[in-house]
Amino acid sequence: MSESVTPSFLIVEDSDEDYAALERIVRRARPDVSVKLQRCVSAEQVFTILNAPRLPQKPLPELPALIILDLNLPGLNGKEVLRAVRQHRRLKLIPVVIFSTSSNPQDIEWCYENGANSYLVKQTDYTAFKRAVELLVDYWVEAVRLPRPSSGGIVLEKPDDSGLPA
Protein backbone atom coordinates (compact mmCIF):
# COMPACT_ATOMS: atom_id res chain seq x y z
CA MET A 1 0.00 0.00 0.00
CA SER A 2 1.15 3.51 -0.61
CA GLU A 3 2.60 5.27 2.41
CA SER A 4 0.08 8.11 2.03
CA VAL A 5 -2.97 5.85 2.13
CA THR A 6 -4.27 4.64 5.49
CA PRO A 7 -4.76 0.91 5.13
CA SER A 8 -8.32 -0.18 5.83
CA PHE A 9 -9.32 -3.73 6.61
CA LEU A 10 -12.84 -5.10 6.79
CA ILE A 11 -12.69 -8.05 9.17
CA VAL A 12 -15.59 -10.45 8.88
CA GLU A 13 -15.40 -12.47 12.07
CA ASP A 14 -18.21 -13.67 14.33
CA SER A 15 -15.97 -14.79 17.21
CA ASP A 16 -15.38 -11.95 19.68
CA GLU A 17 -12.30 -13.75 20.98
CA ASP A 18 -10.72 -14.20 17.54
CA TYR A 19 -11.55 -10.62 16.56
CA ALA A 20 -10.03 -9.21 19.77
CA ALA A 21 -6.82 -11.19 19.21
CA LEU A 22 -6.69 -10.22 15.55
CA GLU A 23 -7.26 -6.53 16.33
CA ARG A 24 -4.62 -6.50 19.07
CA ILE A 25 -2.03 -8.20 16.84
CA VAL A 26 -2.75 -5.89 13.89
CA ARG A 27 -2.34 -2.81 16.10
CA ARG A 28 0.92 -4.11 17.57
CA ALA A 29 2.34 -5.49 14.33
CA ARG A 30 2.67 -2.03 12.77
CA PRO A 31 2.53 0.62 15.49
CA ASP A 32 3.95 3.11 12.99
CA VAL A 33 0.97 2.68 10.64
CA SER A 34 -2.62 3.56 11.45
CA VAL A 35 -4.73 0.71 10.11
CA LYS A 36 -8.46 1.40 9.94
CA LEU A 37 -10.40 -1.66 11.08
CA GLN A 38 -14.05 -2.30 10.52
CA ARG A 39 -15.81 -5.43 11.73
CA CYS A 40 -18.78 -7.41 10.53
CA VAL A 41 -20.05 -10.44 12.41
CA SER A 42 -22.22 -11.87 9.63
CA ALA A 43 -22.51 -12.05 5.87
CA GLU A 44 -25.67 -9.99 6.09
CA GLN A 45 -23.74 -7.12 7.73
CA VAL A 46 -21.17 -7.24 4.93
CA PHE A 47 -23.90 -6.98 2.32
CA THR A 48 -25.48 -4.04 4.17
CA ILE A 49 -22.17 -2.15 4.22
CA LEU A 50 -21.33 -2.97 0.64
CA ASN A 51 -24.84 -2.00 -0.48
CA ALA A 52 -24.75 1.35 1.36
CA PRO A 53 -27.11 3.74 -0.39
CA ARG A 54 -25.76 6.56 -2.47
CA LEU A 55 -26.85 9.78 -0.77
CA PRO A 56 -27.21 13.08 -2.65
CA GLN A 57 -24.50 15.66 -1.90
CA LYS A 58 -22.43 13.15 0.01
CA PRO A 59 -19.35 11.37 -1.24
CA LEU A 60 -19.54 7.64 -1.40
CA PRO A 61 -17.97 5.95 1.59
CA GLU A 62 -14.63 4.34 0.92
CA LEU A 63 -14.54 0.62 0.60
CA PRO A 64 -11.91 -1.35 2.49
CA ALA A 65 -8.57 -2.02 0.88
CA LEU A 66 -8.66 -5.60 2.14
CA ILE A 67 -11.31 -8.02 3.37
CA ILE A 68 -10.30 -10.62 5.95
CA LEU A 69 -13.03 -13.21 5.83
CA ASP A 70 -13.93 -16.08 8.14
CA LEU A 71 -15.69 -18.89 6.28
CA ASN A 72 -17.79 -20.13 9.19
CA LEU A 73 -20.31 -17.38 9.82
CA PRO A 74 -23.82 -17.60 11.23
CA GLY A 75 -26.49 -17.52 8.51
CA LEU A 76 -24.93 -17.11 5.09
CA ASN A 77 -21.35 -18.30 5.20
CA GLY A 78 -18.11 -16.73 4.04
CA LYS A 79 -18.29 -18.52 0.70
CA GLU A 80 -21.45 -16.54 -0.11
CA VAL A 81 -19.62 -13.31 0.75
CA LEU A 82 -16.62 -14.25 -1.40
CA ARG A 83 -18.84 -15.22 -4.32
CA ALA A 84 -20.84 -11.95 -4.10
CA VAL A 85 -17.72 -9.77 -3.85
CA ARG A 86 -16.10 -11.49 -6.83
CA GLN A 87 -19.22 -11.13 -8.98
CA HIS A 88 -19.54 -7.40 -8.32
CA ARG A 89 -17.86 -5.37 -11.03
CA ARG A 90 -16.14 -2.91 -8.68
CA LEU A 91 -15.88 -4.84 -5.45
CA LYS A 92 -13.98 -7.60 -7.20
CA LEU A 93 -10.87 -5.41 -7.04
CA ILE A 94 -10.71 -5.73 -3.26
CA PRO A 95 -8.35 -8.51 -2.17
CA VAL A 96 -10.00 -11.12 0.04
CA VAL A 97 -7.98 -13.11 2.55
CA ILE A 98 -9.73 -16.16 3.96
CA PHE A 99 -8.90 -16.61 7.66
CA SER A 100 -10.59 -19.81 8.75
CA THR A 101 -10.28 -22.71 11.15
CA SER A 102 -10.97 -25.01 8.23
CA SER A 103 -7.93 -26.72 6.77
CA ASN A 104 -10.14 -28.87 4.54
CA PRO A 105 -8.43 -29.05 1.12
CA GLN A 106 -11.84 -28.79 -0.56
CA ASP A 107 -12.55 -25.47 1.21
CA ILE A 108 -9.11 -24.16 0.27
CA GLU A 109 -9.51 -25.20 -3.37
CA TRP A 110 -13.04 -23.77 -3.56
CA CYS A 111 -11.88 -20.41 -2.18
CA TYR A 112 -9.00 -20.07 -4.66
CA GLU A 113 -11.23 -21.16 -7.54
CA ASN A 114 -13.68 -18.45 -6.53
CA GLY A 115 -11.21 -15.61 -6.24
CA ALA A 116 -9.64 -15.65 -2.78
CA ASN A 117 -6.27 -13.93 -2.80
CA SER A 118 -4.90 -15.84 0.19
CA TYR A 119 -6.02 -18.58 2.54
CA LEU A 120 -4.72 -18.67 6.10
CA VAL A 121 -5.68 -21.39 8.54
CA LYS A 122 -6.33 -20.04 12.04
CA GLN A 123 -3.98 -21.73 14.39
CA THR A 124 -5.12 -22.75 17.85
CA ASP A 125 -1.65 -22.05 19.22
CA TYR A 126 -1.48 -18.32 20.01
CA THR A 127 2.14 -17.93 18.89
CA ALA A 128 1.34 -19.44 15.49
CA PHE A 129 -1.88 -17.38 15.25
CA LYS A 130 0.06 -14.19 16.05
CA ARG A 131 2.77 -14.99 13.51
CA ALA A 132 0.17 -15.61 10.76
CA VAL A 133 -1.53 -12.27 11.45
CA GLU A 134 1.81 -10.42 11.54
CA LEU A 135 2.74 -11.92 8.17
CA LEU A 136 -0.69 -10.95 6.80
CA VAL A 137 -0.25 -7.34 7.97
CA ASP A 138 3.33 -7.08 6.72
CA TYR A 139 2.34 -8.40 3.32
CA TRP A 140 -0.83 -6.34 2.77
CA VAL A 141 0.42 -3.13 4.41
CA GLU A 142 4.08 -3.13 3.44
CA ALA A 143 4.80 -5.42 0.51
CA VAL A 144 1.98 -4.89 -1.98
CA ARG A 145 0.49 -1.95 -3.80
CA LEU A 146 -3.27 -1.73 -4.09
CA PRO A 147 -5.52 0.59 -6.08
CA ARG A 148 -6.15 3.81 -4.21
CA PRO A 149 -9.77 4.16 -3.07
CA SER A 150 -9.80 7.81 -4.17
CA SER A 151 -8.75 6.88 -7.71
CA GLY A 152 -12.29 5.89 -8.50
CA GLY A 153 -11.35 2.27 -8.75
CA ILE A 154 -13.06 1.27 -5.53
CA VAL A 155 -16.33 3.00 -4.76
CA LEU A 156 -19.72 1.82 -3.71
CA GLU A 157 -22.31 1.05 -6.28
CA LYS A 158 -25.86 2.21 -6.19
CA PRO A 159 -27.86 -0.47 -4.37
CA ASP A 160 -30.03 -1.24 -7.36
CA ASP A 161 -27.11 -2.19 -9.61
CA SER A 162 -24.77 -3.72 -7.07
CA GLY A 163 -25.55 -7.33 -7.79
CA LEU A 164 -25.13 -8.17 -4.10
CA PRO A 165 -27.83 -9.84 -2.07
CA ALA A 166 -29.74 -7.34 0.01
C-alpha atoms as a PDB file:
ATOM      1  CA  MET A   1       0.000   0.000   0.000  1.00  0.00           C
ATOM      2  CA  SER A   2       1.152   3.511  -0.615  1.00  0.00           C
ATOM      3  CA  GLU A   3       2.603   5.272   2.411  1.00  0.00           C
ATOM      4  CA  SER A   4       0.083   8.108   2.028  1.00  0.00           C
ATOM      5  CA  VAL A   5      -2.972   5.850   2.132  1.00  0.00           C
ATOM      6  CA  THR A   6      -4.271   4.641   5.488  1.00  0.00           C
ATOM      7  CA  PRO A   7      -4.758   0.908   5.133  1.00  0.00           C
ATOM      8  CA  SER A   8      -8.315  -0.184   5.828  1.00  0.00           C
ATOM      9  CA  PHE A   9      -9.324  -3.731   6.610  1.00  0.00           C
ATOM     10  CA  LEU A  10     -12.844  -5.097   6.785  1.00  0.00           C
ATOM     11  CA  ILE A  11     -12.685  -8.050   9.167  1.00  0.00           C
ATOM     12  CA  VAL A  12     -15.593 -10.452   8.877  1.00  0.00           C
ATOM     13  CA  GLU A  13     -15.395 -12.470  12.069  1.00  0.00           C
ATOM     14  CA  ASP A  14     -18.206 -13.667  14.331  1.00  0.00           C
ATOM     15  CA  SER A  15     -15.966 -14.787  17.207  1.00  0.00           C
ATOM     16  CA  ASP A  16     -15.376 -11.949  19.678  1.00  0.00           C
ATOM     17  CA  GLU A  17     -12.303 -13.752  20.982  1.00  0.00           C
ATOM     18  CA  ASP A  18     -10.724 -14.204  17.541  1.00  0.00           C
ATOM     19  CA  TYR A  19     -11.553 -10.623  16.564  1.00  0.00           C
ATOM     20  CA  ALA A  20     -10.028  -9.213  19.765  1.00  0.00           C
ATOM     21  CA  ALA A  21      -6.822 -11.193  19.215  1.00  0.00           C
ATOM     22  CA  LEU A  22      -6.688 -10.224  15.555  1.00  0.00           C
ATOM     23  CA  GLU A  23      -7.263  -6.532  16.329  1.00  0.00           C
ATOM     24  CA  ARG A  24      -4.619  -6.496  19.065  1.00  0.00           C
ATOM     25  CA  ILE A  25      -2.034  -8.197  16.837  1.00  0.00           C
ATOM     26  CA  VAL A  26      -2.755  -5.888  13.887  1.00  0.00           C
ATOM     27  CA  ARG A  27      -2.341  -2.810  16.104  1.00  0.00           C
ATOM     28  CA  ARG A  28       0.918  -4.106  17.570  1.00  0.00           C
ATOM     29  CA  ALA A  29       2.341  -5.485  14.331  1.00  0.00           C
ATOM     30  CA  ARG A  30       2.669  -2.035  12.767  1.00  0.00           C
ATOM     31  CA  PRO A  31       2.526   0.622  15.490  1.00  0.00           C
ATOM     32  CA  ASP A  32       3.947   3.107  12.993  1.00  0.00           C
ATOM     33  CA  VAL A  33       0.972   2.677  10.639  1.00  0.00           C
ATOM     34  CA  SER A  34      -2.616   3.560  11.455  1.00  0.00           C
ATOM     35  CA  VAL A  35      -4.730   0.713  10.109  1.00  0.00           C
ATOM     36  CA  LYS A  36      -8.465   1.400   9.939  1.00  0.00           C
ATOM     37  CA  LEU A  37     -10.397  -1.662  11.083  1.00  0.00           C
ATOM     38  CA  GLN A  38     -14.049  -2.300  10.518  1.00  0.00           C
ATOM     39  CA  ARG A  39     -15.805  -5.425  11.731  1.00  0.00           C
ATOM     40  CA  CYS A  40     -18.775  -7.405  10.526  1.00  0.00           C
ATOM     41  CA  VAL A  41     -20.051 -10.444  12.408  1.00  0.00           C
ATOM     42  CA  SER A  42     -22.219 -11.867   9.627  1.00  0.00           C
ATOM     43  CA  ALA A  43     -22.505 -12.051   5.866  1.00  0.00           C
ATOM     44  CA  GLU A  44     -25.670  -9.990   6.086  1.00  0.00           C
ATOM     45  CA  GLN A  45     -23.735  -7.122   7.734  1.00  0.00           C
ATOM     46  CA  VAL A  46     -21.169  -7.236   4.934  1.00  0.00           C
ATOM     47  CA  PHE A  47     -23.896  -6.979   2.319  1.00  0.00           C
ATOM     48  CA  THR A  48     -25.478  -4.043   4.175  1.00  0.00           C
ATOM     49  CA  ILE A  49     -22.170  -2.150   4.218  1.00  0.00           C
ATOM     50  CA  LEU A  50     -21.325  -2.969   0.636  1.00  0.00           C
ATOM     51  CA  ASN A  51     -24.844  -2.001  -0.477  1.00  0.00           C
ATOM     52  CA  ALA A  52     -24.755   1.347   1.360  1.00  0.00           C
ATOM     53  CA  PRO A  53     -27.106   3.740  -0.393  1.00  0.00           C
ATOM     54  CA  ARG A  54     -25.763   6.557  -2.469  1.00  0.00           C
ATOM     55  CA  LEU A  55     -26.850   9.780  -0.772  1.00  0.00           C
ATOM     56  CA  PRO A  56     -27.209  13.078  -2.655  1.00  0.00           C
ATOM     57  CA  GLN A  57     -24.505  15.663  -1.903  1.00  0.00           C
ATOM     58  CA  LYS A  58     -22.428  13.146   0.014  1.00  0.00           C
ATOM     59  CA  PRO A  59     -19.347  11.371  -1.235  1.00  0.00           C
ATOM     60  CA  LEU A  60     -19.543   7.644  -1.405  1.00  0.00           C
ATOM     61  CA  PRO A  61     -17.967   5.953   1.594  1.00  0.00           C
ATOM     62  CA  GLU A  62     -14.633   4.337   0.921  1.00  0.00           C
ATOM     63  CA  LEU A  63     -14.536   0.621   0.603  1.00  0.00           C
ATOM     64  CA  PRO A  64     -11.908  -1.354   2.491  1.00  0.00           C
ATOM     65  CA  ALA A  65      -8.566  -2.023   0.879  1.00  0.00           C
ATOM     66  CA  LEU A  66      -8.656  -5.602   2.137  1.00  0.00           C
ATOM     67  CA  ILE A  67     -11.315  -8.020   3.367  1.00  0.00           C
ATOM     68  CA  ILE A  68     -10.304 -10.615   5.951  1.00  0.00           C
ATOM     69  CA  LEU A  69     -13.033 -13.208   5.834  1.00  0.00           C
ATOM     70  CA  ASP A  70     -13.934 -16.076   8.138  1.00  0.00           C
ATOM     71  CA  LEU A  71     -15.691 -18.887   6.277  1.00  0.00           C
ATOM     72  CA  ASN A  72     -17.792 -20.127   9.185  1.00  0.00           C
ATOM     73  CA  LEU A  73     -20.310 -17.382   9.819  1.00  0.00           C
ATOM     74  CA  PRO A  74     -23.819 -17.604  11.226  1.00  0.00           C
ATOM     75  CA  GLY A  75     -26.495 -17.518   8.515  1.00  0.00           C
ATOM     76  CA  LEU A  76     -24.933 -17.106   5.087  1.00  0.00           C
ATOM     77  CA  ASN A  77     -21.354 -18.305   5.201  1.00  0.00           C
ATOM     78  CA  GLY A  78     -18.110 -16.730   4.043  1.00  0.00           C
ATOM     79  CA  LYS A  79     -18.292 -18.517   0.701  1.00  0.00           C
ATOM     80  CA  GLU A  80     -21.447 -16.543  -0.110  1.00  0.00           C
ATOM     81  CA  VAL A  81     -19.618 -13.311   0.754  1.00  0.00           C
ATOM     82  CA  LEU A  82     -16.622 -14.249  -1.405  1.00  0.00           C
ATOM     83  CA  ARG A  83     -18.843 -15.220  -4.321  1.00  0.00           C
ATOM     84  CA  ALA A  84     -20.836 -11.952  -4.100  1.00  0.00           C
ATOM     85  CA  VAL A  85     -17.721  -9.768  -3.850  1.00  0.00           C
ATOM     86  CA  ARG A  86     -16.098 -11.490  -6.830  1.00  0.00           C
ATOM     87  CA  GLN A  87     -19.223 -11.126  -8.985  1.00  0.00           C
ATOM     88  CA  HIS A  88     -19.539  -7.400  -8.317  1.00  0.00           C
ATOM     89  CA  ARG A  89     -17.859  -5.366 -11.031  1.00  0.00           C
ATOM     90  CA  ARG A  90     -16.144  -2.912  -8.684  1.00  0.00           C
ATOM     91  CA  LEU A  91     -15.877  -4.844  -5.452  1.00  0.00           C
ATOM     92  CA  LYS A  92     -13.979  -7.596  -7.200  1.00  0.00           C
ATOM     93  CA  LEU A  93     -10.866  -5.411  -7.038  1.00  0.00           C
ATOM     94  CA  ILE A  94     -10.706  -5.734  -3.259  1.00  0.00           C
ATOM     95  CA  PRO A  95      -8.349  -8.511  -2.167  1.00  0.00           C
ATOM     96  CA  VAL A  96      -9.999 -11.121   0.040  1.00  0.00           C
ATOM     97  CA  VAL A  97      -7.976 -13.115   2.548  1.00  0.00           C
ATOM     98  CA  ILE A  98      -9.726 -16.162   3.961  1.00  0.00           C
ATOM     99  CA  PHE A  99      -8.901 -16.613   7.659  1.00  0.00           C
ATOM    100  CA  SER A 100     -10.589 -19.808   8.747  1.00  0.00           C
ATOM    101  CA  THR A 101     -10.282 -22.706  11.155  1.00  0.00           C
ATOM    102  CA  SER A 102     -10.972 -25.010   8.227  1.00  0.00           C
ATOM    103  CA  SER A 103      -7.929 -26.719   6.772  1.00  0.00           C
ATOM    104  CA  ASN A 104     -10.137 -28.875   4.544  1.00  0.00           C
ATOM    105  CA  PRO A 105      -8.433 -29.053   1.119  1.00  0.00           C
ATOM    106  CA  GLN A 106     -11.840 -28.790  -0.563  1.00  0.00           C
ATOM    107  CA  ASP A 107     -12.550 -25.472   1.211  1.00  0.00           C
ATOM    108  CA  ILE A 108      -9.107 -24.158   0.266  1.00  0.00           C
ATOM    109  CA  GLU A 109      -9.508 -25.204  -3.366  1.00  0.00           C
ATOM    110  CA  TRP A 110     -13.038 -23.772  -3.558  1.00  0.00           C
ATOM    111  CA  CYS A 111     -11.876 -20.410  -2.179  1.00  0.00           C
ATOM    112  CA  TYR A 112      -9.001 -20.071  -4.656  1.00  0.00           C
ATOM    113  CA  GLU A 113     -11.228 -21.155  -7.538  1.00  0.00           C
ATOM    114  CA  ASN A 114     -13.682 -18.448  -6.526  1.00  0.00           C
ATOM    115  CA  GLY A 115     -11.215 -15.607  -6.241  1.00  0.00           C
ATOM    116  CA  ALA A 116      -9.635 -15.651  -2.779  1.00  0.00           C
ATOM    117  CA  ASN A 117      -6.270 -13.930  -2.797  1.00  0.00           C
ATOM    118  CA  SER A 118      -4.902 -15.843   0.186  1.00  0.00           C
ATOM    119  CA  TYR A 119      -6.023 -18.582   2.540  1.00  0.00           C
ATOM    120  CA  LEU A 120      -4.720 -18.670   6.097  1.00  0.00           C
ATOM    121  CA  VAL A 121      -5.680 -21.389   8.539  1.00  0.00           C
ATOM    122  CA  LYS A 122      -6.332 -20.044  12.039  1.00  0.00           C
ATOM    123  CA  GLN A 123      -3.978 -21.727  14.391  1.00  0.00           C
ATOM    124  CA  THR A 124      -5.121 -22.753  17.848  1.00  0.00           C
ATOM    125  CA  ASP A 125      -1.650 -22.051  19.225  1.00  0.00           C
ATOM    126  CA  TYR A 126      -1.480 -18.318  20.013  1.00  0.00           C
ATOM    127  CA  THR A 127       2.139 -17.932  18.892  1.00  0.00           C
ATOM    128  CA  ALA A 128       1.343 -19.441  15.486  1.00  0.00           C
ATOM    129  CA  PHE A 129      -1.880 -17.384  15.246  1.00  0.00           C
ATOM    130  CA  LYS A 130       0.061 -14.195  16.049  1.00  0.00           C
ATOM    131  CA  ARG A 131       2.774 -14.988  13.506  1.00  0.00           C
ATOM    132  CA  ALA A 132       0.171 -15.613  10.763  1.00  0.00           C
ATOM    133  CA  VAL A 133      -1.529 -12.266  11.452  1.00  0.00           C
ATOM    134  CA  GLU A 134       1.807 -10.420  11.543  1.00  0.00           C
ATOM    135  CA  LEU A 135       2.735 -11.917   8.166  1.00  0.00           C
ATOM    136  CA  LEU A 136      -0.687 -10.948   6.796  1.00  0.00           C
ATOM    137  CA  VAL A 137      -0.253  -7.338   7.968  1.00  0.00           C
ATOM    138  CA  ASP A 138       3.328  -7.083   6.722  1.00  0.00           C
ATOM    139  CA  TYR A 139       2.338  -8.397   3.320  1.00  0.00           C
ATOM    140  CA  TRP A 140      -0.833  -6.345   2.773  1.00  0.00           C
ATOM    141  CA  VAL A 141       0.421  -3.129   4.405  1.00  0.00           C
ATOM    142  CA  GLU A 142       4.084  -3.134   3.443  1.00  0.00           C
ATOM    143  CA  ALA A 143       4.798  -5.419   0.514  1.00  0.00           C
ATOM    144  CA  VAL A 144       1.980  -4.887  -1.977  1.00  0.00           C
ATOM    145  CA  ARG A 145       0.485  -1.946  -3.804  1.00  0.00           C
ATOM    146  CA  LEU A 146      -3.274  -1.732  -4.093  1.00  0.00           C
ATOM    147  CA  PRO A 147      -5.519   0.587  -6.076  1.00  0.00           C
ATOM    148  CA  ARG A 148      -6.150   3.815  -4.206  1.00  0.00           C
ATOM    149  CA  PRO A 149      -9.768   4.158  -3.069  1.00  0.00           C
ATOM    150  CA  SER A 150      -9.799   7.809  -4.171  1.00  0.00           C
ATOM    151  CA  SER A 151      -8.749   6.880  -7.706  1.00  0.00           C
ATOM    152  CA  GLY A 152     -12.285   5.888  -8.503  1.00  0.00           C
ATOM    153  CA  GLY A 153     -11.346   2.270  -8.750  1.00  0.00           C
ATOM    154  CA  ILE A 154     -13.059   1.273  -5.532  1.00  0.00           C
ATOM    155  CA  VAL A 155     -16.333   3.000  -4.759  1.00  0.00           C
ATOM    156  CA  LEU A 156     -19.724   1.818  -3.705  1.00  0.00           C
ATOM    157  CA  GLU A 157     -22.311   1.048  -6.284  1.00  0.00           C
ATOM    158  CA  LYS A 158     -25.865   2.207  -6.190  1.00  0.00           C
ATOM    159  CA  PRO A 159     -27.858  -0.470  -4.367  1.00  0.00           C
ATOM    160  CA  ASP A 160     -30.031  -1.242  -7.362  1.00  0.00           C
ATOM    161  CA  ASP A 161     -27.108  -2.194  -9.608  1.00  0.00           C
ATOM    162  CA  SER A 162     -24.769  -3.718  -7.069  1.00  0.00           C
ATOM    163  CA  GLY A 163     -25.555  -7.329  -7.787  1.00  0.00           C
ATOM    164  CA  LEU A 164     -25.129  -8.171  -4.098  1.00  0.00           C
ATOM    165  CA  PRO A 165     -27.826  -9.845  -2.073  1.00  0.00           C
ATOM    166  CA  ALA A 166     -29.743  -7.341   0.014  1.00  0.00           C
END
